[in-house]
Protein backbone atom coordinates (compact mmCIF):
# COMPACT_ATOMS: atom_id res chain seq x y z
CA UNK A 1 21.72 148.04 35.16
CA UNK A 2 21.76 144.81 35.33
CA UNK A 3 18.38 143.45 36.81
CA UNK A 4 17.93 142.80 40.83
CA UNK A 5 15.93 140.04 42.50
CA UNK A 6 13.71 139.05 45.04
CA UNK A 7 15.99 136.00 45.83
CA UNK A 8 19.83 136.72 45.05
CA UNK A 9 20.44 133.29 46.22
CA UNK A 10 18.43 131.02 44.37
CA UNK A 11 17.53 130.27 40.76
CA UNK A 12 14.62 130.66 39.83
CA UNK A 13 14.17 133.92 41.00
CA UNK A 14 11.08 136.62 40.27
CA UNK A 15 12.37 139.72 39.79
CA UNK A 16 12.37 143.14 41.54
CA UNK A 17 11.30 146.49 40.58
CA UNK A 18 13.88 149.03 42.18
CA UNK A 19 11.22 151.69 42.65
CA UNK A 20 12.04 155.37 43.97
CA UNK A 21 12.28 155.74 48.10
CA UNK A 22 10.47 159.11 47.87
CA UNK A 23 7.30 157.42 45.59
CA UNK A 24 7.84 153.86 47.75
CA UNK A 25 6.90 156.24 50.75
CA UNK A 26 4.32 157.47 49.31
CA UNK A 27 2.21 154.22 48.92
CA UNK A 28 3.43 152.80 52.13
CA UNK A 29 1.74 155.99 54.04
CA UNK A 30 -1.61 156.02 51.30
CA UNK A 31 -2.34 152.27 51.66
CA UNK A 32 -1.52 152.42 54.93
CA UNK A 33 -4.30 155.14 56.02
CA UNK A 34 -6.52 153.32 54.25
CA UNK A 35 -5.98 150.33 56.02
CA UNK A 36 -5.90 151.98 59.67
CA UNK A 37 -9.53 152.98 58.03
CA UNK A 38 -10.32 149.69 57.50
CA UNK A 39 -9.39 148.44 60.92
CA UNK A 40 -9.83 151.20 63.15
CA UNK A 41 -13.82 151.70 61.11
CA UNK A 42 -14.76 148.11 60.94
CA UNK A 43 -14.03 147.79 64.50
CA UNK A 44 -15.96 149.94 66.12
CA UNK A 45 -18.95 149.11 64.15
CA UNK A 46 -18.37 145.03 65.70
CA UNK A 47 -18.01 147.11 68.79
CA UNK A 48 -20.85 149.16 69.10
CA UNK A 49 -23.15 146.31 67.49
CA UNK A 50 -21.87 143.69 69.88
CA UNK A 51 -21.81 145.93 73.56
CA UNK A 52 -24.52 147.80 72.93
CA UNK A 53 -27.85 146.05 73.45
CA UNK A 54 -30.41 147.83 71.81
CA UNK A 55 -27.70 147.48 68.50
CA UNK A 56 -28.87 142.69 68.99
CA UNK A 57 -31.12 143.06 66.01
CA UNK A 58 -31.26 141.08 62.93
CA UNK A 59 -30.33 143.41 60.55
CA UNK A 60 -27.72 144.56 62.59
CA UNK A 61 -26.31 140.88 63.00
CA UNK A 62 -26.16 141.43 58.98
CA UNK A 63 -24.37 144.60 59.57
CA UNK A 64 -21.59 142.52 61.71
CA UNK A 65 -21.37 140.10 59.79
CA UNK A 66 -19.99 142.25 57.02
CA UNK A 67 -18.62 144.32 58.98
CA UNK A 68 -16.02 141.28 60.12
CA UNK A 69 -15.55 140.65 56.69
CA UNK A 70 -14.62 144.34 56.09
CA UNK A 71 -11.78 144.00 59.07
CA UNK A 72 -10.12 141.07 58.77
CA UNK A 73 -9.89 141.92 55.04
CA UNK A 74 -7.45 144.92 56.21
CA UNK A 75 -6.17 143.09 58.27
CA UNK A 76 -5.49 139.19 56.65
CA UNK A 77 -5.33 140.50 52.85
CA UNK A 78 -4.43 143.99 52.65
CA UNK A 79 -1.53 144.47 54.96
CA UNK A 80 1.35 141.78 53.26
CA UNK A 81 -0.49 142.65 49.96
CA UNK A 82 0.80 146.03 51.04
CA UNK A 83 4.35 144.79 51.54
CA UNK A 84 4.08 142.71 48.17
CA UNK A 85 2.97 146.21 45.89
CA UNK A 86 5.29 148.45 47.81
CA UNK A 87 8.25 145.29 47.75
CA UNK A 88 7.51 144.24 44.05
CA UNK A 89 7.92 140.48 45.86
CA UNK A 90 6.59 138.26 48.14
CA UNK A 91 8.93 137.77 51.09
CA UNK A 92 7.03 135.64 53.54
CA UNK A 93 6.53 131.62 51.42
CA UNK A 94 4.43 129.70 49.40
CA UNK A 95 2.52 128.46 52.14
CA UNK A 96 1.76 132.26 53.25
CA UNK A 97 0.96 133.07 49.82
CA UNK A 98 -1.48 130.34 49.49
CA UNK A 99 -3.07 131.49 53.17
CA UNK A 100 -2.98 135.19 51.67
CA UNK A 101 -4.60 134.53 48.56
CA UNK A 102 -7.28 131.95 49.80
CA UNK A 103 -8.45 134.56 52.85
CA UNK A 104 -7.93 136.98 49.87
CA UNK A 105 -11.15 135.12 47.74
CA UNK A 106 -12.66 134.11 51.15
CA UNK A 107 -13.92 137.98 52.42
CA UNK A 108 -15.24 138.84 49.49
CA UNK A 109 -16.88 136.11 48.23
CA UNK A 110 -18.19 136.81 52.13
CA UNK A 111 -18.74 140.11 51.81
CA UNK A 112 -20.65 139.99 48.83
CA UNK A 113 -23.05 136.63 51.11
CA UNK A 114 -23.94 138.93 53.92
CA UNK A 115 -24.64 142.59 51.16
CA UNK A 116 -27.06 139.68 49.35
CA UNK A 117 -29.00 138.53 53.07
CA UNK A 118 -28.61 141.79 53.62
CA UNK A 119 -31.00 142.27 50.43
CA UNK A 120 -33.44 139.94 51.45
CA UNK A 121 -33.68 141.42 55.31
CA UNK A 122 -34.75 144.74 53.48
CA UNK A 123 -36.90 142.98 51.17
CA UNK A 124 -39.82 141.70 53.23
CA UNK A 125 -39.36 145.11 56.16
CA UNK A 126 -40.48 147.23 53.08
CA UNK A 127 -42.02 144.17 50.45
CA UNK A 128 -43.52 142.44 53.04
CA UNK A 129 -43.66 144.36 56.64
CA UNK A 130 -46.16 142.12 58.43
CA UNK A 131 -44.42 138.95 57.32
CA UNK A 132 -40.55 140.03 58.68
CA UNK A 133 -40.63 139.78 61.89
CA UNK A 134 -41.64 135.95 60.77
CA UNK A 135 -39.56 135.33 57.96
CA UNK A 136 -36.62 137.70 59.07
CA UNK A 137 -35.95 135.82 63.19
CA UNK A 138 -33.21 135.97 64.70
CA UNK A 139 -32.86 132.40 64.82
CA UNK A 140 -33.28 132.79 60.31
CA UNK A 141 -30.33 135.33 60.45
CA UNK A 142 -28.47 132.99 62.21
CA UNK A 143 -28.91 130.35 60.04
CA UNK A 144 -27.70 133.42 57.36
CA UNK A 145 -24.40 134.00 58.54
CA UNK A 146 -23.70 130.36 59.71
CA UNK A 147 -23.90 130.04 55.25
CA UNK A 148 -22.06 132.63 55.07
CA UNK A 149 -19.28 132.06 56.76
CA UNK A 150 -19.44 128.08 55.87
CA UNK A 151 -19.16 129.05 52.46
CA UNK A 152 -16.62 131.90 51.85
CA UNK A 153 -13.52 129.82 53.18
CA UNK A 154 -14.92 126.59 51.32
CA UNK A 155 -14.91 128.79 47.78
CA UNK A 156 -11.82 130.82 48.56
CA UNK A 157 -9.34 127.77 50.59
CA UNK A 158 -11.21 125.19 48.26
CA UNK A 159 -10.11 127.59 45.16
CA UNK A 160 -6.08 127.43 46.30
CA UNK A 161 -4.87 124.74 47.83
CA UNK A 162 -6.30 122.54 44.77
CA UNK A 163 -5.58 124.44 42.11
CA UNK A 164 -8.52 125.03 40.86
CA UNK A 165 -7.88 128.52 40.11
CA UNK A 166 -5.34 126.95 37.51
CA UNK A 167 -6.99 124.01 36.23
CA UNK A 168 -6.90 123.30 32.56
CA UNK A 169 -3.73 126.00 31.84
CA UNK A 170 -0.67 124.29 34.90
CA UNK A 171 1.68 124.26 31.95
CA UNK A 172 1.52 127.99 31.13
CA UNK A 173 1.11 128.22 35.02
CA UNK A 174 4.00 127.01 35.14
CA UNK A 175 6.66 127.96 32.26
CA UNK A 176 5.01 132.13 32.91
CA UNK A 177 4.71 133.02 36.55
CA UNK A 178 6.01 130.27 38.41
CA UNK A 179 9.11 131.68 40.49
CA UNK A 180 10.10 132.60 44.04
CA UNK A 181 9.15 136.15 45.20
CA UNK A 182 5.22 136.65 43.63
CA UNK A 183 2.45 135.66 44.84
CA UNK A 184 -0.63 136.49 42.80
CA UNK A 185 -3.81 134.50 42.26
CA UNK A 186 -4.15 133.08 38.20
CA UNK A 187 -6.68 131.89 36.80
CA UNK A 188 -7.68 130.14 34.42
CA UNK A 189 -10.24 130.99 31.46
CA UNK A 190 -12.46 127.56 33.81
CA UNK A 191 -11.16 129.16 36.73
CA UNK A 192 -11.97 133.07 36.25
CA UNK A 193 -14.99 132.54 34.61
CA UNK A 194 -16.78 130.12 37.38
CA UNK A 195 -15.63 131.90 39.89
CA UNK A 196 -16.32 135.59 39.01
CA UNK A 197 -19.94 134.46 37.54
CA UNK A 198 -20.35 132.90 41.47
CA UNK A 199 -18.78 134.94 43.52
CA UNK A 200 -19.29 137.63 42.02
CA UNK A 201 -21.86 138.69 38.73
CA UNK A 202 -24.87 136.71 39.93
CA UNK A 203 -24.74 138.07 43.09
CA UNK A 204 -24.03 141.29 41.54
CA UNK A 205 -27.17 140.95 39.48
CA UNK A 206 -29.95 139.28 41.51
CA UNK A 207 -29.14 142.16 44.06
CA UNK A 208 -29.34 144.30 41.94
CA UNK A 209 -32.87 143.30 40.81
CA UNK A 210 -34.09 142.85 44.35
CA UNK A 211 -33.56 146.42 45.38
CA UNK A 212 -35.12 147.87 41.93
CA UNK A 213 -38.00 145.58 43.34
CA UNK A 214 -37.04 147.13 46.48
CA UNK A 215 -38.03 150.63 45.71
CA UNK A 216 -40.87 149.64 43.02
CA UNK A 217 -43.34 148.02 45.68
CA UNK A 218 -41.76 151.36 47.92
CA UNK A 219 -43.44 153.98 45.35
CA UNK A 220 -46.12 152.20 44.81
CA UNK A 221 -47.14 152.07 48.59
CA UNK A 222 -46.11 155.87 48.50
CA UNK A 223 -48.54 156.63 45.77
CA UNK A 224 -51.36 154.79 47.51
CA UNK A 225 -51.45 156.17 50.98
CA UNK A 226 -50.66 159.45 49.55
CA UNK A 227 -53.83 159.29 47.28
CA UNK A 228 -55.29 158.41 51.16
CA UNK A 229 -54.18 161.37 52.74
CA UNK A 230 -51.95 159.18 55.90
CA UNK A 231 -48.77 160.78 54.88
CA UNK A 232 -47.66 162.21 57.86
CA UNK A 233 -48.33 159.16 59.65
CA UNK A 234 -47.15 156.30 57.29
CA UNK A 235 -43.82 159.15 56.87
CA UNK A 236 -42.98 158.83 60.39
CA UNK A 237 -43.49 155.20 60.70
CA UNK A 238 -41.63 153.85 58.14
CA UNK A 239 -38.39 156.83 59.22
CA UNK A 240 -36.63 154.13 60.15
CA UNK A 241 -37.20 151.80 57.92
CA UNK A 242 -36.34 153.57 54.09
CA UNK A 243 -33.29 154.79 56.45
CA UNK A 244 -31.58 151.53 56.75
CA UNK A 245 -33.16 150.70 53.25
CA UNK A 246 -31.57 154.19 52.22
CA UNK A 247 -28.19 153.73 53.71
CA UNK A 248 -27.79 149.88 52.92
CA UNK A 249 -28.74 150.33 49.79
CA UNK A 250 -25.64 152.75 48.99
CA UNK A 251 -23.18 150.60 50.84
CA UNK A 252 -24.60 147.49 47.49
CA UNK A 253 -23.94 150.00 45.22
CA UNK A 254 -20.34 151.65 46.90
CA UNK A 255 -19.63 147.54 47.16
CA UNK A 256 -20.33 147.48 43.30
CA UNK A 257 -18.46 150.38 41.94
CA UNK A 258 -15.92 149.64 44.25
CA UNK A 259 -14.95 145.62 42.87
CA UNK A 260 -17.07 145.78 39.33
CA UNK A 261 -13.86 146.88 37.52
CA UNK A 262 -11.53 144.34 39.36
CA UNK A 263 -14.25 141.48 38.85
CA UNK A 264 -13.73 142.26 35.04
CA UNK A 265 -10.34 143.02 34.82
CA UNK A 266 -10.05 139.53 36.60
CA UNK A 267 -12.50 137.99 34.20
CA UNK A 268 -10.95 139.07 30.64
CA UNK A 269 -7.62 138.79 31.70
CA UNK A 270 -7.01 135.51 30.90
CA UNK A 271 -8.98 135.41 27.42
CA UNK A 272 -6.07 138.11 26.20
CA UNK A 273 -3.68 135.48 27.52
CA UNK A 274 -3.18 137.43 30.22
CA UNK A 275 -1.62 140.71 29.80
CA UNK A 276 -3.33 143.00 31.26
CA UNK A 277 -0.34 144.42 33.56
CA UNK A 278 -0.03 143.78 36.69
CA UNK A 279 0.12 147.47 37.67
CA UNK A 280 -2.84 147.49 36.34
CA UNK A 281 -4.39 144.80 38.28
CA UNK A 282 -3.22 145.46 41.72
CA UNK A 283 -4.65 148.89 41.86
CA UNK A 284 -8.16 148.07 40.90
CA UNK A 285 -7.94 145.44 43.42
CA UNK A 286 -7.10 148.28 45.80
CA UNK A 287 -10.29 150.53 44.28
CA UNK A 288 -12.19 147.41 45.80
CA UNK A 289 -10.28 147.97 48.98
CA UNK A 290 -11.47 150.85 49.37
CA UNK A 291 -14.71 149.77 49.77
CA UNK A 292 -14.21 148.23 52.92
CA UNK A 293 -12.95 151.78 54.72
CA UNK A 294 -16.16 153.42 53.39
CA UNK A 295 -18.66 151.27 54.61
CA UNK A 296 -18.38 152.66 58.24
CA UNK A 297 -17.98 156.45 57.36
CA UNK A 298 -21.71 155.66 55.16
CA UNK A 299 -22.95 154.21 58.91
CA UNK A 300 -21.33 156.98 60.83
CA UNK A 301 -22.78 159.95 57.92
CA UNK A 302 -26.68 158.39 58.32
CA UNK A 303 -26.75 156.52 61.52
CA UNK A 304 -27.23 158.34 64.74
CA UNK A 305 -26.41 155.78 66.61
CA UNK A 306 -23.04 154.56 65.32
CA UNK A 307 -22.39 158.44 65.96
CA UNK A 308 -23.57 158.30 69.43
CA UNK A 309 -21.71 154.86 70.28
CA UNK A 310 -18.29 156.29 68.62
CA UNK A 311 -18.83 159.43 70.95
CA UNK A 312 -19.22 156.99 73.91
CA UNK A 313 -16.37 154.43 73.30
CA UNK A 314 -13.69 158.00 72.38
CA UNK A 315 -15.10 159.12 75.61
CA UNK A 316 -13.71 156.98 78.10
CA UNK A 317 -17.07 156.58 79.85
CA UNK A 318 -17.63 152.73 77.74
CA UNK A 319 -14.44 151.76 80.53
CA UNK A 320 -16.22 152.96 83.62
CA UNK A 321 -19.39 151.72 84.13
CA UNK A 322 -21.54 149.85 81.94
CA UNK A 323 -23.65 150.92 78.88
CA UNK A 324 -24.56 147.92 77.09
CA UNK A 325 -28.08 149.69 78.08
CA UNK A 326 -27.76 152.96 76.81
CA UNK A 327 -30.42 154.28 74.70
CA UNK A 328 -29.10 154.77 71.46
CA UNK A 329 -31.45 155.74 69.18
CA UNK A 330 -35.85 156.68 69.76
CA UNK A 331 -38.12 154.74 66.99
């Protein structure tokens, strides 16, 4: 069988992998379901927090920012990446390839920056509750969100459009990876080390450290309260804070579990001659993307306000009258 190419009429076309039709249909179905769950679920989170006034709190604004990054990831990155994976070729041109890769780096970076700010929010809520309302005000959270959505595009678009990802390996890249129909993030040793450390490993270690501190402080506080014989009253007053901390810790844990294998692979690949199979890299990337679909499910499982907001939206009552003042939960 003669080899197939992405663009038969071009001399520098990439090879095309002709997968069996049943496999392609199956992949489109599975990946399509992940994309639909990601887009719809995060849209519901975004709309709920935006519409219902009771949800306008500093912590929820950070959750809103995280949901927005996941929502955009589903539309801008996951959809074209699904086509590229199944068809094994990129048909949308070099410029849109760079845009897609830039959004990829940008939105993953935005997610972990949002998680970092959420950990700061939880740290003050649990470890310094008396300072929480002054240190984590709405204005402070808006500044955090502004920094997140400023730093992320600078890193994402700067790396790709300035070709910092192949800095020091330009000749190797042009000889082995440059062909019509390919759209993959190839990184040099310097780029992979710098990008993974700054965008993932350093924030991840910080996140783990902060949540470990929160856990230790929470346990120490509970022991002190127990010794004072005030367990029942404090349990009631701290119930919402405890649930929020556990839920957001679960969100962070899911993010790290889903994305760590991918970043380990990206970090090591340039040091072994970029010999990691592209199929493995793509599979690990979709494992990471799956995290964006998981977050709304976590919210639905732990937050009664999200379930109630979902019921109001799906019932259609929200379109008949103004329900923005609806009480979704009681303290």
